[in-house]
Structures are given as C-alpha cells and as structure tokens.
Protein backbone atom coordinates (compact mmCIF):
# COMPACT_ATOMS: atom_id res chain seq x y z
CA MET A 1 0.00 0.07 -0.16
CA PRO A 2 1.26 3.36 -0.74
CA PHE A 3 2.55 5.87 1.63
CA PHE A 4 0.95 8.59 -0.62
CA SER A 5 -3.07 9.79 -1.05
CA PRO A 6 -4.57 9.01 -4.50
CA GLN A 7 -4.54 12.55 -4.76
CA MET A 8 -1.20 13.20 -3.50
CA LEU A 9 0.33 10.81 -5.88
CA ALA A 10 -2.20 12.79 -8.81
CA LEU A 11 -0.37 16.29 -7.93
CA ALA A 12 3.20 14.80 -8.18
CA SER A 13 1.68 13.07 -11.75
CA GLU A 14 0.74 16.88 -12.88
CA VAL A 15 4.18 18.28 -11.74
CA VAL A 16 6.09 15.05 -13.64
CA LYS A 17 4.04 15.98 -16.48
CA ALA A 18 4.56 19.89 -16.52
CA ALA A 19 8.15 19.52 -16.21
CA THR A 20 7.90 16.99 -19.13
CA ALA A 21 6.29 19.15 -21.11
CA LYS A 22 9.21 22.00 -20.58
CA LYS A 23 11.86 19.82 -19.98
CA ILE A 24 12.77 21.31 -16.93
CA GLN A 25 14.51 18.90 -14.61
CA ILE A 26 14.04 19.11 -10.63
CA ALA A 27 16.50 18.94 -7.45
CA THR A 28 15.21 18.92 -4.18
CA ALA A 29 16.69 19.86 -0.63
CA GLU A 30 15.03 18.46 1.93
CA SER A 31 15.02 18.25 6.12
CA CYS A 32 12.03 17.50 7.82
CA THR A 33 10.71 16.17 5.21
CA GLY A 34 13.52 13.68 5.25
CA GLY A 35 12.97 12.72 1.56
CA LEU A 36 9.65 12.87 1.05
CA ILE A 37 9.25 15.36 -1.65
CA SER A 38 11.24 13.25 -3.55
CA ALA A 39 9.67 10.02 -2.74
CA CYS A 40 6.40 11.61 -3.76
CA LEU A 41 7.85 12.60 -6.95
CA THR A 42 9.24 9.11 -8.00
CA GLU A 43 6.64 7.26 -6.96
CA VAL A 44 5.42 8.46 -10.59
CA SER A 45 5.95 6.34 -13.60
CA GLY A 46 8.07 8.33 -15.66
CA ALA A 47 9.65 10.75 -13.14
CA SER A 48 13.14 9.71 -13.77
CA ALA A 49 12.63 12.06 -17.29
CA VAL A 50 12.86 15.09 -14.88
CA PHE A 51 14.24 14.43 -11.30
CA ASP A 52 17.69 15.11 -11.47
CA ARG A 53 17.98 14.73 -7.50
CA GLY A 54 17.52 14.95 -3.84
CA TYR A 55 19.30 15.96 -1.19
CA VAL A 56 18.23 15.31 2.85
CA SER A 57 20.25 17.77 4.92
CA TYR A 58 18.90 16.88 8.14
CA SER A 59 22.03 18.60 10.49
CA TYR A 60 23.09 22.20 10.12
CA ASP A 61 26.72 20.87 8.40
CA SER A 62 25.26 18.73 5.79
CA LYS A 63 23.48 22.35 4.65
CA THR A 64 26.94 23.39 4.66
CA ALA A 65 28.76 20.64 3.40
CA TYR A 66 26.73 19.89 0.69
CA LEU A 67 24.20 22.69 -0.22
CA ASP A 68 26.75 25.66 0.51
CA VAL A 69 24.32 27.25 3.12
CA PRO A 70 26.67 29.75 4.61
CA GLN A 71 27.42 28.22 8.43
CA ASP A 72 27.28 31.79 9.99
CA ILE A 73 23.65 32.16 8.34
CA VAL A 74 22.55 29.07 10.01
CA VAL A 75 24.37 29.76 13.36
CA ALA A 76 22.37 33.26 13.31
CA CYS A 77 18.73 32.65 11.42
CA GLY A 78 18.73 29.10 12.93
CA ALA A 79 18.06 25.67 10.49
CA VAL A 80 14.25 26.34 10.27
CA SER A 81 14.24 30.19 8.89
CA ALA A 82 13.91 31.74 5.08
CA GLU A 83 17.15 31.92 4.66
CA VAL A 84 18.06 28.83 5.25
CA ALA A 85 15.33 27.74 2.98
CA GLN A 86 16.47 29.86 -0.01
CA GLY A 87 19.64 28.79 0.53
CA MET A 88 18.90 25.32 0.56
CA ALA A 89 17.00 25.80 -2.73
CA GLU A 90 20.13 28.08 -4.27
CA GLY A 91 22.24 24.93 -3.16
CA ALA A 92 20.42 22.52 -4.72
CA LEU A 93 19.92 24.29 -7.94
CA LYS A 94 23.71 25.02 -8.02
CA HIS A 95 25.22 21.27 -7.41
CA SER A 96 22.68 19.88 -10.12
CA VAL A 97 21.77 20.08 -13.73
CA SER A 98 18.53 21.48 -12.58
CA GLY A 99 15.78 24.22 -14.09
CA ILE A 100 14.32 24.18 -10.55
CA ALA A 101 15.02 23.59 -7.11
CA ILE A 102 12.92 23.31 -3.77
CA SER A 103 13.99 22.67 -0.69
CA ALA A 104 11.72 22.21 2.92
CA THR A 105 13.26 22.94 6.58
CA GLY A 106 11.02 22.53 9.44
CA ILE A 107 9.81 21.32 12.60
CA ALA A 108 7.53 18.32 12.41
CA GLY A 109 7.29 17.97 16.29
CA PRO A 110 6.27 16.57 18.50
CA GLY A 111 9.39 18.45 20.24
CA GLY A 112 11.77 21.18 19.24
CA GLY A 113 9.11 23.92 19.24
CA THR A 114 9.50 27.54 20.83
CA PRO A 115 7.20 29.98 20.98
CA ASP A 116 9.28 32.01 18.35
CA LYS A 117 9.47 28.50 16.24
CA PRO A 118 6.31 26.64 16.91
CA VAL A 119 6.02 23.05 15.49
CA GLY A 120 4.56 23.14 12.29
CA LEU A 121 6.73 25.63 11.28
CA VAL A 122 8.08 25.04 8.03
CA TYR A 123 9.78 27.52 5.41
CA LEU A 124 9.94 26.48 1.83
CA GLY A 125 12.60 27.75 -0.61
CA VAL A 126 12.29 28.28 -4.17
CA ALA A 127 15.58 28.24 -7.09
CA LEU A 128 15.21 28.78 -10.45
CA LYS A 129 17.16 30.55 -12.95
CA GLY A 130 17.94 34.19 -12.05
CA LYS A 131 15.25 33.92 -9.03
CA SER A 132 14.91 32.34 -6.07
CA TYR A 133 12.73 33.17 -2.39
CA ALA A 134 11.67 31.91 0.28
CA PHE A 135 7.99 31.69 2.08
CA LYS A 136 6.79 30.38 6.09
CA ASN A 137 4.08 28.06 6.15
CA GLN A 138 2.34 27.10 9.85
CA PHE A 139 0.85 23.35 9.49
CA SER A 140 -0.94 21.62 12.00
CA GLY A 141 -1.35 18.19 13.42
CA ASP A 142 1.02 15.32 14.43
CA ARG A 143 4.35 15.08 12.94
CA GLY A 144 3.40 12.81 9.76
CA GLU A 145 0.36 15.35 8.80
CA VAL A 146 3.02 18.11 8.91
CA ARG A 147 5.19 16.39 6.77
CA LEU A 148 2.67 15.44 4.13
CA GLN A 149 1.00 19.09 4.30
CA THR A 150 4.55 20.15 3.45
CA VAL A 151 5.15 17.48 0.96
CA GLU A 152 1.77 19.11 -0.72
CA THR A 153 2.29 22.25 -0.89
CA ALA A 154 6.02 21.49 -2.40
CA LEU A 155 4.28 20.14 -4.97
CA LYS A 156 2.07 22.57 -5.34
CA THR A 157 4.70 24.98 -5.55
CA LEU A 158 6.36 23.40 -8.21
CA LEU A 159 3.44 22.93 -10.53
CA LYS A 160 2.56 26.73 -10.34
CA GLU A 161 6.85 27.69 -10.99
CA ILE A 162 6.79 25.08 -13.81
CA ALA A 163 3.55 26.64 -15.34
CA GLU A 164 4.94 30.36 -15.26
CA ALA A 165 8.76 28.96 -16.65
C-alpha cells in the first residue's frame, strides 16, 4: 500500500507531466521531510525524465557542506528560517543540472518547538535561474501530517513555478 494518498500522487503526476512538457529538471533539498518530496515525485512513472537529484540535509553541517548554505546564516538565523530554506534551494540548484529546486526546513514535532518557532513551522525555498525565494507555512497536526502538508505545498509550488517558466 503506497504511503501517499491518490490525491497526492495525482498532484505529483501533474508536476512530472508539466516538467516533462517544459523539459525542466527538478532537484530537492529536504530537512524536515527527510526525502518525502523526492519519494512522492519518484513514485510517478516517468519521473526519471525530470527528477535530477534530491538532498536530505537534516543536520546543520550537511546544509553547509553539501548545499553551500553559509554556516554563519545557519547559526544566526537557525536551521528553520527563510534564509536557510532559500540557501538550501539555491545550493541544490547550483549542484545539479536542474532548472528548478525546492527545499523544505521546519519543525515537524512533536518536540523541538519554541514560542518563536512552534511545531508545524516550515519554510519552503524555491530556486530557478535568476530567481529564488522562501516562504513561511504554519501547518498543524502530528509529525506525519505536518510532513505530508509540506510535501503537498511543495508540489503545488513546483507546479505553479513550472507552469510560469
């Protein structure tokens, strides 16, 4: 039985179709999702035509070592921040042949939250040639629900950006 719902797989299929039509390769850089965005995309037949690579950069060191997120930014802003999410996406784009990269960093819970950074806080980053940004999300539910809401939002963001490319 697949981990992802039929609706989530349909969304991933739309992303793969759109990227295939525009000949755009995709890279991911994931922290709190632990590779679920990549897993959902690669659950789709034909994903090999557009999915280039995925990084799971859970630790501070991996964000710096593999994605070139400056250590001073990780320390100053925290791993769960717009700055780090944007840096992760930019690093994934830089270290791939992709035309678009998406990243996720957040606090899935149940522990780890603070008043300033509560459980469910997730930043998604996007990088394309000449453009990068990050945005804040506040998801609810248990650890699994937060992670799946992150995947869904990431896929919707990919679909939107690919459509506009």
